[in-house]
Amino acid sequence: MIKFILKLFNKFFNFNSHKSQETSKQPLVSTDEQRISYSPQLIPSLKHDHQNLVELYSKISILLHTQRYVEIEDILSSLKTEFNRHIMQENVSFYCYLEQQFADDANHMETIRDYRKEMNGISHAFIKFIKKWQSDVITAQNAQAFREEYDAIGVVLAQRINSEENHLYPLYHPS
């Protein structure tokens, strides 16, 4: 199962919002139309994020297997940070771009909105899981409960990553 999950996460996040439009090589928003610009690096970056997230996720499995429960908290913290960055990048650069590209295409807009809504639910559950286990210390007594939740969230994330990379990301292309 870990190999399947490992196949699916990513890292980048180049926010240009604090740079002036003149010094930014590829502005997030073009000044003449106030539109999100296409970036050829975005999809490779998002896929790289997926890989990094899966690697962090799989480290937890190793720590569980070797009963190194104390170390899991740091990995959960890193996983939460990277996940939040990834979601922010998708929301700001990816979904906004798709919504402006397909503004006149009701079918694509519905698909994009459905993906976005689903991701919001997954994000909420994922962050809730992480926060719970950051406050509830993982011990030999509750490791099985953690493992069950961990495996369930892993399946959902793996399915989501697979769906994004194979069905949603291909919609991203220059206008």
N, C-alpha and C. Protein backbone atom coordinates (compact mmCIF):
# COMPACT_ATOMS: atom_id res chain seq x y z
N MET A 1 0.82 -1.18 0.00
CA MET A 1 0.00 0.00 0.00
C MET A 1 0.87 1.26 0.00
N ILE A 2 1.98 1.23 0.72
CA ILE A 2 2.86 2.40 0.79
C ILE A 2 3.40 2.72 -0.60
N LYS A 3 3.74 1.69 -1.39
CA LYS A 3 4.25 1.94 -2.74
C LYS A 3 3.19 2.67 -3.58
N PHE A 4 1.94 2.26 -3.42
CA PHE A 4 0.86 2.93 -4.14
C PHE A 4 0.75 4.38 -3.70
N ILE A 5 0.82 4.60 -2.40
CA ILE A 5 0.71 5.95 -1.86
C ILE A 5 1.94 6.77 -2.25
N LEU A 6 3.13 6.14 -2.18
CA LEU A 6 4.36 6.84 -2.54
C LEU A 6 4.33 7.33 -3.98
N LYS A 7 3.61 6.62 -4.82
CA LYS A 7 3.53 6.97 -6.23
C LYS A 7 2.81 8.30 -6.45
N LEU A 8 2.18 8.85 -5.39
CA LEU A 8 1.20 9.92 -5.61
C LEU A 8 1.36 11.30 -4.90
N PHE A 9 2.36 12.02 -4.32
CA PHE A 9 2.36 13.38 -3.64
C PHE A 9 3.31 14.48 -4.30
N ASN A 10 3.92 15.91 -3.75
CA ASN A 10 4.71 16.98 -4.52
C ASN A 10 5.25 18.25 -3.77
N LYS A 11 6.43 19.16 -4.24
CA LYS A 11 6.97 20.37 -3.53
C LYS A 11 7.48 21.50 -4.43
N PHE A 12 7.11 22.75 -4.20
CA PHE A 12 7.56 23.92 -4.99
C PHE A 12 7.19 25.22 -4.32
N PHE A 13 6.04 25.80 -4.60
CA PHE A 13 5.46 26.99 -4.02
C PHE A 13 6.32 28.22 -4.16
N ASN A 14 6.28 28.81 -5.30
CA ASN A 14 7.01 30.05 -5.57
C ASN A 14 6.00 31.19 -5.61
N PHE A 15 5.74 31.77 -4.43
CA PHE A 15 4.79 32.88 -4.37
C PHE A 15 5.50 34.17 -4.75
N ASN A 16 4.98 34.84 -5.76
CA ASN A 16 5.56 36.10 -6.22
C ASN A 16 4.77 37.29 -5.72
N SER A 17 3.85 37.06 -4.80
CA SER A 17 2.96 38.14 -4.39
C SER A 17 3.68 39.28 -3.69
N HIS A 18 4.86 39.04 -3.11
CA HIS A 18 5.59 40.09 -2.42
C HIS A 18 6.62 40.76 -3.31
N LYS A 19 6.79 40.26 -4.53
CA LYS A 19 7.74 40.86 -5.46
C LYS A 19 6.97 41.81 -6.37
N SER A 20 7.65 42.80 -6.87
CA SER A 20 6.98 43.69 -7.82
C SER A 20 6.81 42.96 -9.14
N GLN A 21 5.85 43.39 -9.91
CA GLN A 21 5.61 42.76 -11.20
C GLN A 21 6.81 42.90 -12.12
N GLU A 22 7.59 43.97 -11.97
CA GLU A 22 8.76 44.17 -12.83
C GLU A 22 9.88 43.18 -12.52
N THR A 23 10.08 42.82 -11.27
CA THR A 23 11.18 41.95 -10.93
C THR A 23 10.80 40.48 -11.01
N SER A 24 9.54 40.17 -11.04
CA SER A 24 9.10 38.79 -11.13
C SER A 24 9.21 38.31 -12.57
N LYS A 25 9.84 37.16 -12.78
CA LYS A 25 9.98 36.63 -14.13
C LYS A 25 8.64 36.19 -14.70
N GLN A 26 7.82 35.52 -13.87
CA GLN A 26 6.50 35.10 -14.31
C GLN A 26 5.50 35.55 -13.26
N PRO A 27 4.88 36.70 -13.47
CA PRO A 27 3.95 37.20 -12.44
C PRO A 27 2.77 36.26 -12.27
N LEU A 28 2.31 36.18 -11.04
CA LEU A 28 1.15 35.38 -10.74
C LEU A 28 -0.08 35.98 -11.41
N VAL A 29 -0.17 37.29 -11.41
CA VAL A 29 -1.28 38.00 -12.02
C VAL A 29 -0.72 39.00 -13.02
N SER A 30 -1.22 38.96 -14.25
CA SER A 30 -0.74 39.92 -15.23
C SER A 30 -1.35 41.28 -14.93
N THR A 31 -0.56 42.33 -15.08
CA THR A 31 -1.02 43.66 -14.71
C THR A 31 -2.06 44.22 -15.66
N ASP A 32 -2.01 43.84 -16.93
CA ASP A 32 -2.95 44.43 -17.88
C ASP A 32 -4.35 43.83 -17.78
N GLU A 33 -4.51 42.60 -17.41
CA GLU A 33 -5.83 41.99 -17.34
C GLU A 33 -6.21 41.54 -15.93
N GLN A 34 -5.30 41.60 -14.98
CA GLN A 34 -5.53 41.10 -13.63
C GLN A 34 -6.03 39.65 -13.68
N ARG A 35 -5.30 38.83 -14.43
CA ARG A 35 -5.63 37.42 -14.58
C ARG A 35 -4.46 36.58 -14.11
N ILE A 36 -4.76 35.38 -13.66
CA ILE A 36 -3.72 34.43 -13.27
C ILE A 36 -3.00 33.98 -14.54
N SER A 37 -1.69 34.03 -14.52
CA SER A 37 -0.88 33.63 -15.67
C SER A 37 -0.59 32.14 -15.65
N TYR A 38 -0.46 31.58 -16.82
CA TYR A 38 -0.05 30.19 -16.97
C TYR A 38 1.43 30.06 -16.60
N SER A 39 1.77 29.00 -15.91
CA SER A 39 3.16 28.71 -15.57
C SER A 39 3.49 27.28 -15.98
N PRO A 40 4.43 27.09 -16.90
CA PRO A 40 4.79 25.72 -17.31
C PRO A 40 5.41 24.90 -16.18
N GLN A 41 5.86 25.57 -15.12
CA GLN A 41 6.46 24.86 -13.99
C GLN A 41 5.43 24.41 -12.95
N LEU A 42 4.21 24.89 -13.03
CA LEU A 42 3.23 24.62 -11.97
C LEU A 42 2.92 23.14 -11.81
N ILE A 43 2.55 22.46 -12.87
CA ILE A 43 2.15 21.05 -12.74
C ILE A 43 3.33 20.18 -12.30
N PRO A 44 4.52 20.34 -12.90
CA PRO A 44 5.65 19.56 -12.36
C PRO A 44 5.91 19.86 -10.88
N SER A 45 5.72 21.10 -10.49
CA SER A 45 5.91 21.48 -9.09
C SER A 45 4.87 20.81 -8.19
N LEU A 46 3.62 20.82 -8.61
CA LEU A 46 2.56 20.19 -7.82
C LEU A 46 2.78 18.68 -7.71
N LYS A 47 3.23 18.06 -8.80
CA LYS A 47 3.53 16.63 -8.76
C LYS A 47 4.72 16.34 -7.84
N HIS A 48 5.69 17.21 -7.86
CA HIS A 48 6.83 17.06 -6.96
C HIS A 48 6.38 17.18 -5.50
N ASP A 49 5.46 18.08 -5.24
CA ASP A 49 4.87 18.20 -3.90
C ASP A 49 4.24 16.87 -3.49
N HIS A 50 3.50 16.28 -4.41
CA HIS A 50 2.87 15.00 -4.11
C HIS A 50 3.91 13.96 -3.70
N GLN A 51 5.02 13.91 -4.43
CA GLN A 51 6.09 12.96 -4.09
C GLN A 51 6.64 13.23 -2.70
N ASN A 52 6.87 14.48 -2.38
CA ASN A 52 7.40 14.83 -1.05
C ASN A 52 6.41 14.49 0.06
N LEU A 53 5.15 14.74 -0.18
CA LEU A 53 4.13 14.42 0.81
C LEU A 53 4.04 12.91 1.04
N VAL A 54 4.12 12.14 -0.02
CA VAL A 54 4.09 10.68 0.11
C VAL A 54 5.32 10.18 0.86
N GLU A 55 6.47 10.79 0.60
CA GLU A 55 7.68 10.40 1.33
C GLU A 55 7.53 10.67 2.82
N LEU A 56 7.00 11.82 3.17
CA LEU A 56 6.78 12.12 4.59
C LEU A 56 5.77 11.14 5.18
N TYR A 57 4.72 10.90 4.45
CA TYR A 57 3.68 9.96 4.90
C TYR A 57 4.29 8.58 5.13
N SER A 58 5.14 8.12 4.22
CA SER A 58 5.72 6.79 4.35
C SER A 58 6.72 6.70 5.51
N LYS A 59 7.36 7.81 5.85
CA LYS A 59 8.27 7.80 7.01
C LYS A 59 7.50 7.45 8.28
N ILE A 60 6.27 7.90 8.35
CA ILE A 60 5.44 7.60 9.52
C ILE A 60 5.22 6.09 9.62
N SER A 61 4.99 5.45 8.49
CA SER A 61 4.79 4.00 8.49
C SER A 61 6.02 3.28 9.05
N ILE A 62 7.18 3.73 8.65
CA ILE A 62 8.42 3.13 9.15
C ILE A 62 8.55 3.34 10.65
N LEU A 63 8.25 4.56 11.09
CA LEU A 63 8.33 4.86 12.52
C LEU A 63 7.32 4.04 13.32
N LEU A 64 6.14 3.84 12.78
CA LEU A 64 5.15 2.99 13.44
C LEU A 64 5.64 1.56 13.54
N HIS A 65 6.15 1.05 12.44
CA HIS A 65 6.63 -0.33 12.39
C HIS A 65 7.76 -0.57 13.39
N THR A 66 8.62 0.42 13.55
CA THR A 66 9.76 0.29 14.47
C THR A 66 9.43 0.82 15.87
N GLN A 67 8.17 1.17 16.09
CA GLN A 67 7.67 1.64 17.38
C GLN A 67 8.43 2.87 17.90
N ARG A 68 8.79 3.75 17.00
CA ARG A 68 9.45 5.02 17.36
C ARG A 68 8.39 6.13 17.34
N TYR A 69 7.45 6.00 18.24
CA TYR A 69 6.27 6.86 18.27
C TYR A 69 6.58 8.33 18.51
N VAL A 70 7.56 8.62 19.33
CA VAL A 70 7.89 10.01 19.66
C VAL A 70 8.31 10.79 18.41
N GLU A 71 8.97 10.13 17.48
CA GLU A 71 9.46 10.79 16.26
C GLU A 71 8.34 11.11 15.28
N ILE A 72 7.21 10.48 15.44
CA ILE A 72 6.09 10.70 14.52
C ILE A 72 5.58 12.14 14.60
N GLU A 73 5.61 12.73 15.78
CA GLU A 73 5.09 14.09 15.95
C GLU A 73 5.80 15.09 15.03
N ASP A 74 7.12 15.00 14.91
CA ASP A 74 7.86 15.91 14.03
C ASP A 74 7.48 15.71 12.56
N ILE A 75 7.30 14.46 12.18
CA ILE A 75 6.92 14.16 10.79
C ILE A 75 5.50 14.68 10.53
N LEU A 76 4.61 14.52 11.50
CA LEU A 76 3.26 15.05 11.35
C LEU A 76 3.28 16.57 11.17
N SER A 77 4.14 17.23 11.90
CA SER A 77 4.27 18.68 11.77
C SER A 77 4.76 19.07 10.38
N SER A 78 5.77 18.38 9.90
CA SER A 78 6.30 18.64 8.54
C SER A 78 5.24 18.33 7.49
N LEU A 79 4.54 17.24 7.67
CA LEU A 79 3.49 16.84 6.74
C LEU A 79 2.39 17.90 6.67
N LYS A 80 2.01 18.41 7.82
CA LYS A 80 0.98 19.46 7.87
C LYS A 80 1.45 20.72 7.15
N THR A 81 2.69 21.13 7.39
CA THR A 81 3.24 22.33 6.75
C THR A 81 3.29 22.17 5.24
N GLU A 82 3.83 21.06 4.78
CA GLU A 82 3.94 20.83 3.34
C GLU A 82 2.58 20.68 2.68
N PHE A 83 1.67 20.01 3.35
CA PHE A 83 0.32 19.85 2.83
C PHE A 83 -0.36 21.20 2.68
N ASN A 84 -0.27 22.03 3.71
CA ASN A 84 -0.89 23.36 3.65
C ASN A 84 -0.29 24.20 2.53
N ARG A 85 1.02 24.14 2.35
CA ARG A 85 1.65 24.88 1.26
C ARG A 85 1.15 24.40 -0.10
N HIS A 86 1.06 23.10 -0.24
CA HIS A 86 0.58 22.51 -1.49
C HIS A 86 -0.85 22.96 -1.79
N ILE A 87 -1.70 22.88 -0.79
CA ILE A 87 -3.11 23.27 -0.97
C ILE A 87 -3.21 24.75 -1.33
N MET A 88 -2.42 25.57 -0.68
CA MET A 88 -2.44 27.00 -0.98
C MET A 88 -2.01 27.25 -2.42
N GLN A 89 -0.96 26.57 -2.86
CA GLN A 89 -0.48 26.73 -4.24
C GLN A 89 -1.54 26.29 -5.23
N GLU A 90 -2.17 25.16 -4.96
CA GLU A 90 -3.24 24.70 -5.84
C GLU A 90 -4.38 25.71 -5.90
N ASN A 91 -4.79 26.21 -4.74
CA ASN A 91 -5.90 27.16 -4.70
C ASN A 91 -5.58 28.46 -5.42
N VAL A 92 -4.40 29.01 -5.17
CA VAL A 92 -4.04 30.32 -5.73
C VAL A 92 -3.68 30.23 -7.21
N SER A 93 -2.84 29.30 -7.57
CA SER A 93 -2.32 29.27 -8.94
C SER A 93 -3.06 28.32 -9.86
N PHE A 94 -3.50 27.20 -9.36
CA PHE A 94 -4.08 26.18 -10.22
C PHE A 94 -5.59 26.37 -10.41
N TYR A 95 -6.35 26.29 -9.32
CA TYR A 95 -7.80 26.39 -9.44
C TYR A 95 -8.25 27.73 -9.99
N CYS A 96 -7.64 28.81 -9.54
CA CYS A 96 -8.03 30.14 -10.05
C CYS A 96 -7.78 30.24 -11.54
N TYR A 97 -6.65 29.70 -11.99
CA TYR A 97 -6.34 29.72 -13.42
C TYR A 97 -7.39 28.91 -14.20
N LEU A 98 -7.69 27.70 -13.73
CA LEU A 98 -8.68 26.88 -14.42
C LEU A 98 -10.05 27.55 -14.46
N GLU A 99 -10.43 28.17 -13.35
CA GLU A 99 -11.73 28.83 -13.31
C GLU A 99 -11.81 29.99 -14.30
N GLN A 100 -10.72 30.73 -14.46
CA GLN A 100 -10.77 31.82 -15.45
C GLN A 100 -10.71 31.25 -16.87
N GLN A 101 -9.98 30.15 -17.08
CA GLN A 101 -9.89 29.56 -18.41
C GLN A 101 -11.21 28.96 -18.87
N PHE A 102 -11.95 28.36 -17.94
CA PHE A 102 -13.17 27.67 -18.30
C PHE A 102 -14.42 28.40 -17.82
N ALA A 103 -14.32 29.70 -17.65
CA ALA A 103 -15.44 30.50 -17.15
C ALA A 103 -16.70 30.34 -18.01
N ASP A 104 -16.53 30.11 -19.30
CA ASP A 104 -17.67 29.98 -20.21
C ASP A 104 -18.02 28.53 -20.53
N ASP A 105 -17.44 27.59 -19.81
CA ASP A 105 -17.66 26.17 -20.06
C ASP A 105 -18.26 25.54 -18.79
N ALA A 106 -19.57 25.41 -18.78
CA ALA A 106 -20.28 24.95 -17.58
C ALA A 106 -19.85 23.55 -17.13
N ASN A 107 -19.59 22.66 -18.10
CA ASN A 107 -19.19 21.30 -17.73
C ASN A 107 -17.85 21.27 -17.01
N HIS A 108 -16.86 21.98 -17.59
CA HIS A 108 -15.54 22.03 -16.94
C HIS A 108 -15.62 22.75 -15.59
N MET A 109 -16.39 23.82 -15.53
CA MET A 109 -16.51 24.56 -14.28
C MET A 109 -17.11 23.68 -13.18
N GLU A 110 -18.09 22.88 -13.53
CA GLU A 110 -18.69 21.99 -12.54
C GLU A 110 -17.65 20.97 -12.05
N THR A 111 -16.89 20.42 -12.96
CA THR A 111 -15.84 19.47 -12.60
C THR A 111 -14.81 20.12 -11.68
N ILE A 112 -14.37 21.30 -12.03
CA ILE A 112 -13.37 22.02 -11.24
C ILE A 112 -13.92 22.33 -9.85
N ARG A 113 -15.13 22.80 -9.78
CA ARG A 113 -15.75 23.12 -8.48
C ARG A 113 -15.93 21.86 -7.64
N ASP A 114 -16.30 20.75 -8.28
CA ASP A 114 -16.45 19.49 -7.54
C ASP A 114 -15.11 19.04 -6.96
N TYR A 115 -14.05 19.12 -7.76
CA TYR A 115 -12.72 18.77 -7.27
C TYR A 115 -12.31 19.67 -6.11
N ARG A 116 -12.56 20.94 -6.27
CA ARG A 116 -12.17 21.91 -5.23
C ARG A 116 -12.94 21.65 -3.94
N LYS A 117 -14.24 21.42 -4.06
CA LYS A 117 -15.07 21.15 -2.89
C LYS A 117 -14.62 19.86 -2.21
N GLU A 118 -14.37 18.83 -2.98
CA GLU A 118 -13.91 17.57 -2.42
C GLU A 118 -12.57 17.75 -1.70
N MET A 119 -11.66 18.53 -2.31
CA MET A 119 -10.36 18.76 -1.69
C MET A 119 -10.49 19.52 -0.39
N ASN A 120 -11.43 20.44 -0.31
CA ASN A 120 -11.66 21.16 0.94
C ASN A 120 -12.06 20.20 2.06
N GLY A 121 -12.91 19.24 1.73
CA GLY A 121 -13.32 18.24 2.72
C GLY A 121 -12.16 17.34 3.13
N ILE A 122 -11.37 16.90 2.15
CA ILE A 122 -10.21 16.07 2.44
C ILE A 122 -9.21 16.84 3.29
N SER A 123 -8.98 18.10 2.94
CA SER A 123 -8.04 18.93 3.70
C SER A 123 -8.48 19.06 5.15
N HIS A 124 -9.75 19.31 5.34
CA HIS A 124 -10.28 19.45 6.70
C HIS A 124 -10.05 18.16 7.50
N ALA A 125 -10.37 17.02 6.92
CA ALA A 125 -10.20 15.74 7.61
C ALA A 125 -8.72 15.45 7.87
N PHE A 126 -7.88 15.76 6.91
CA PHE A 126 -6.45 15.51 7.04
C PHE A 126 -5.84 16.35 8.16
N ILE A 127 -6.15 17.63 8.18
CA ILE A 127 -5.62 18.53 9.22
C ILE A 127 -6.19 18.14 10.59
N LYS A 128 -7.45 17.75 10.64
CA LYS A 128 -8.05 17.29 11.89
C LYS A 128 -7.31 16.05 12.41
N PHE A 129 -7.01 15.12 11.53
CA PHE A 129 -6.24 13.92 11.89
C PHE A 129 -4.88 14.30 12.47
N ILE A 130 -4.17 15.20 11.78
CA ILE A 130 -2.84 15.59 12.23
C ILE A 130 -2.91 16.29 13.59
N LYS A 131 -3.83 17.24 13.71
CA LYS A 131 -3.94 17.97 14.99
C LYS A 131 -4.29 17.02 16.14
N LYS A 132 -5.18 16.09 15.88
CA LYS A 132 -5.56 15.12 16.92
C LYS A 132 -4.33 14.38 17.42
N TRP A 133 -3.52 13.88 16.48
CA TRP A 133 -2.39 13.04 16.87
C TRP A 133 -1.17 13.85 17.28
N GLN A 134 -1.22 15.14 17.07
CA GLN A 134 -0.17 15.99 17.64
C GLN A 134 -0.47 16.27 19.11
N SER A 135 -1.74 16.28 19.46
CA SER A 135 -2.11 16.54 20.86
C SER A 135 -2.24 15.24 21.66
N ASP A 136 -2.66 14.15 21.02
CA ASP A 136 -2.72 12.84 21.68
C ASP A 136 -1.41 12.12 21.39
N VAL A 137 -0.58 12.01 22.38
CA VAL A 137 0.72 11.35 22.19
C VAL A 137 0.50 9.91 21.75
N ILE A 138 1.22 9.49 20.73
CA ILE A 138 1.11 8.12 20.23
C ILE A 138 1.95 7.22 21.13
N THR A 139 1.31 6.17 21.60
CA THR A 139 1.96 5.21 22.49
C THR A 139 1.67 3.80 21.99
N ALA A 140 2.28 2.83 22.62
CA ALA A 140 2.02 1.43 22.27
C ALA A 140 0.53 1.09 22.47
N GLN A 141 -0.11 1.76 23.43
CA GLN A 141 -1.52 1.48 23.73
C GLN A 141 -2.48 2.02 22.66
N ASN A 142 -2.13 3.13 22.02
CA ASN A 142 -3.05 3.69 21.03
C ASN A 142 -2.49 3.64 19.60
N ALA A 143 -1.37 2.97 19.41
CA ALA A 143 -0.73 2.90 18.09
C ALA A 143 -1.64 2.25 17.05
N GLN A 144 -2.41 1.25 17.46
CA GLN A 144 -3.31 0.59 16.51
C GLN A 144 -4.41 1.55 16.04
N ALA A 145 -4.94 2.34 16.95
CA ALA A 145 -5.96 3.33 16.57
C ALA A 145 -5.37 4.35 15.62
N PHE A 146 -4.14 4.80 15.92
CA PHE A 146 -3.46 5.73 15.02
C PHE A 146 -3.28 5.09 13.65
N ARG A 147 -2.82 3.85 13.62
CA ARG A 147 -2.56 3.13 12.36
C ARG A 147 -3.82 3.05 11.51
N GLU A 148 -4.94 2.77 12.13
CA GLU A 148 -6.20 2.65 11.39
C GLU A 148 -6.59 3.98 10.75
N GLU A 149 -6.49 5.06 11.50
CA GLU A 149 -6.80 6.39 10.95
C GLU A 149 -5.78 6.78 9.88
N TYR A 150 -4.53 6.50 10.16
CA TYR A 150 -3.43 6.81 9.24
C TYR A 150 -3.63 6.09 7.90
N ASP A 151 -3.96 4.80 7.96
CA ASP A 151 -4.19 4.03 6.74
C ASP A 151 -5.39 4.56 5.96
N ALA A 152 -6.47 4.89 6.68
CA ALA A 152 -7.68 5.39 6.02
C ALA A 152 -7.40 6.72 5.31
N ILE A 153 -6.71 7.62 5.98
CA ILE A 153 -6.41 8.92 5.36
C ILE A 153 -5.45 8.73 4.19
N GLY A 154 -4.55 7.76 4.30
CA GLY A 154 -3.61 7.48 3.22
C GLY A 154 -4.30 7.01 1.95
N VAL A 155 -5.30 6.17 2.11
CA VAL A 155 -6.05 5.67 0.95
C VAL A 155 -6.76 6.83 0.26
N VAL A 156 -7.39 7.69 1.04
CA VAL A 156 -8.10 8.85 0.47
C VAL A 156 -7.13 9.77 -0.26
N LEU A 157 -6.00 10.07 0.37
CA LEU A 157 -5.01 10.95 -0.26
C LEU A 157 -4.44 10.33 -1.53
N ALA A 158 -4.15 9.03 -1.49
CA ALA A 158 -3.60 8.36 -2.68
C ALA A 158 -4.59 8.41 -3.84
N GLN A 159 -5.86 8.15 -3.54
CA GLN A 159 -6.89 8.22 -4.59
C GLN A 159 -7.00 9.63 -5.14
N ARG A 160 -6.95 10.62 -4.26
CA ARG A 160 -7.06 12.01 -4.69
C ARG A 160 -5.88 12.41 -5.57
N ILE A 161 -4.69 12.06 -5.16
CA ILE A 161 -3.49 12.40 -5.94
C ILE A 161 -3.56 11.75 -7.31
N ASN A 162 -3.95 10.50 -7.34
CA ASN A 162 -4.08 9.79 -8.62
C ASN A 162 -5.10 10.49 -9.52
N SER A 163 -6.21 10.86 -8.95
CA SER A 163 -7.26 11.53 -9.71
C SER A 163 -6.80 12.90 -10.21
N GLU A 164 -6.15 13.68 -9.35
CA GLU A 164 -5.64 14.99 -9.77
C GLU A 164 -4.65 14.86 -10.91
N GLU A 165 -3.68 13.98 -10.74
CA GLU A 165 -2.62 13.87 -11.73
C GLU A 165 -3.10 13.31 -13.06
N ASN A 166 -4.08 12.42 -13.02
CA ASN A 166 -4.54 11.79 -14.25
C ASN A 166 -5.75 12.45 -14.91
N HIS A 167 -6.54 13.19 -14.14
CA HIS A 167 -7.76 13.76 -14.70
C HIS A 167 -7.85 15.29 -14.62
N LEU A 168 -7.38 15.86 -13.51
CA LEU A 168 -7.53 17.30 -13.31
C LEU A 168 -6.35 18.08 -13.87
N TYR A 169 -5.14 17.68 -13.56
CA TYR A 169 -3.97 18.41 -14.02
C TYR A 169 -3.87 18.54 -15.55
N PRO A 170 -4.33 17.53 -16.30
CA PRO A 170 -4.29 17.69 -17.77
C PRO A 170 -5.15 18.85 -18.31
N LEU A 171 -6.07 19.36 -17.50
CA LEU A 171 -6.87 20.51 -17.92
C LEU A 171 -6.05 21.81 -17.93
N TYR A 172 -4.92 21.80 -17.24
CA TYR A 172 -4.07 23.00 -17.11
C TYR A 172 -3.17 23.10 -18.32
N HIS A 173 -3.42 24.11 -19.13
CA HIS A 173 -2.58 24.37 -20.32
C HIS A 173 -2.73 25.84 -20.69
N PRO A 174 -1.79 26.35 -21.48
CA PRO A 174 -1.86 27.77 -21.85
C PRO A 174 -3.13 28.07 -22.63
N SER A 175 -3.62 29.27 -22.49
CA SER A 175 -4.85 29.65 -23.22
C SER A 175 -4.55 29.86 -24.68
